[in-house]
């Protein structure tokens, strides 16, 4: 447990008992447990939110627009320049 031996844990508990008294220790433990539980639930909720993409929850679907490549007209100068090979 965090690299603490049994004597260190007992020493910490005795110091806590002397500082806070026998009535306050259960209240402190209860509030510490509730805080840890809330932190765990909040962190779990954050990780679950990261797994779902943000666009999946939007009301309107995303539309894809297809763009066709325009080809030059056959009468244009560019088309005639590329269509005729050089005779040089």
Protein backbone atom coordinates (compact mmCIF):
# COMPACT_ATOMS: atom_id res chain seq x y z
CA UNK A 1 0.00 0.00 0.00
CA UNK A 2 2.12 2.92 -1.33
CA UNK A 3 5.27 1.31 0.04
CA UNK A 4 4.16 1.69 3.67
CA UNK A 5 4.77 -1.11 6.11
CA UNK A 6 2.33 -2.15 8.82
CA UNK A 7 4.10 -0.09 11.51
CA UNK A 8 3.84 3.08 9.42
CA UNK A 9 0.12 2.51 8.84
CA UNK A 10 -0.49 1.97 12.57
CA UNK A 11 1.53 5.10 13.39
CA UNK A 12 -0.52 7.18 10.93
CA UNK A 13 -3.78 5.85 12.41
CA UNK A 14 -2.64 6.65 15.98
CA UNK A 15 -1.64 10.19 14.99
CA UNK A 16 -4.99 10.64 13.23
CA UNK A 17 -6.82 9.40 16.32
CA UNK A 18 -4.91 11.84 18.52
CA UNK A 19 -5.47 14.80 16.17
CA UNK A 20 -9.13 14.32 15.29
CA UNK A 21 -10.57 12.21 18.10
CA UNK A 22 -12.67 9.07 18.04
CA UNK A 23 -15.87 10.86 16.93
CA UNK A 24 -14.42 12.61 13.89
CA UNK A 25 -12.49 9.68 12.37
CA UNK A 26 -15.57 7.81 11.05
CA UNK A 27 -16.93 11.03 9.56
CA UNK A 28 -13.59 11.78 7.90
CA UNK A 29 -13.36 8.25 6.51
CA UNK A 30 -16.92 8.42 5.19
CA UNK A 31 -16.38 11.77 3.48
CA UNK A 32 -13.06 10.59 2.03
CA UNK A 33 -14.77 7.48 0.64
CA UNK A 34 -17.57 9.55 -0.92
CA UNK A 35 -15.04 11.89 -2.50
CA UNK A 36 -13.07 9.00 -3.98
CA UNK A 37 -16.27 7.40 -5.29
CA UNK A 38 -17.37 10.65 -6.97
CA UNK A 39 -13.92 11.09 -8.50
CA UNK A 40 -13.98 7.53 -9.84
CA UNK A 41 -17.45 7.99 -11.36
CA UNK A 42 -16.48 11.31 -12.96
CA UNK A 43 -13.28 9.89 -14.45
CA UNK A 44 -15.17 6.86 -15.77
CA UNK A 45 -17.72 9.18 -17.37
CA UNK A 46 -14.96 11.20 -19.06
CA UNK A 47 -13.40 8.06 -20.54
CA UNK A 48 -16.80 6.87 -21.80
CA UNK A 49 -17.38 10.24 -23.47
CA UNK A 50 -14.01 10.00 -25.23
CA UNK A 51 -14.92 6.65 -26.80
CA UNK A 52 -18.01 7.99 -28.61
CA UNK A 53 -17.32 10.41 -31.47
CA UNK A 54 -18.75 13.89 -31.04
CA UNK A 55 -20.60 13.81 -34.37
CA UNK A 56 -22.51 10.67 -33.36
CA UNK A 57 -24.65 12.62 -30.92
CA UNK A 58 -25.58 15.44 -33.32
CA UNK A 59 -29.20 15.64 -34.42
CA UNK A 60 -28.61 16.19 -38.13
CA UNK A 61 -26.54 13.73 -40.18
CA UNK A 62 -23.46 14.95 -41.97
CA UNK A 63 -23.94 15.24 -45.71
CA UNK A 64 -21.23 14.32 -48.15
CA UNK A 65 -20.88 16.45 -51.22
CA UNK A 66 -19.41 14.80 -54.27
CA UNK A 67 -17.43 17.05 -56.55
CA UNK A 68 -16.88 15.92 -60.11
CA UNK A 69 -13.63 16.84 -61.81
CA UNK A 70 -14.36 19.23 -64.63
CA UNK A 71 -12.82 18.40 -67.99
CA UNK A 72 -11.94 21.19 -70.40
CA UNK A 73 -14.20 21.59 -73.37
CA UNK A 74 -12.93 20.23 -76.67
CA UNK A 75 -12.93 23.69 -78.31
CA UNK A 76 -10.76 25.39 -75.72
CA UNK A 77 -7.14 26.29 -76.34
CA UNK A 78 -5.93 24.11 -73.48
CA UNK A 79 -7.69 21.03 -74.82
CA UNK A 80 -6.36 21.55 -78.34
CA UNK A 81 -2.83 22.14 -77.09
CA UNK A 82 -2.77 18.90 -75.16
CA UNK A 83 -4.59 16.90 -77.82
CA UNK A 84 -2.16 17.69 -80.67
CA UNK A 85 1.33 16.30 -80.35
CA UNK A 86 4.27 18.50 -81.33
CA UNK A 87 5.59 17.86 -84.80
CA UNK A 88 9.06 19.19 -84.02
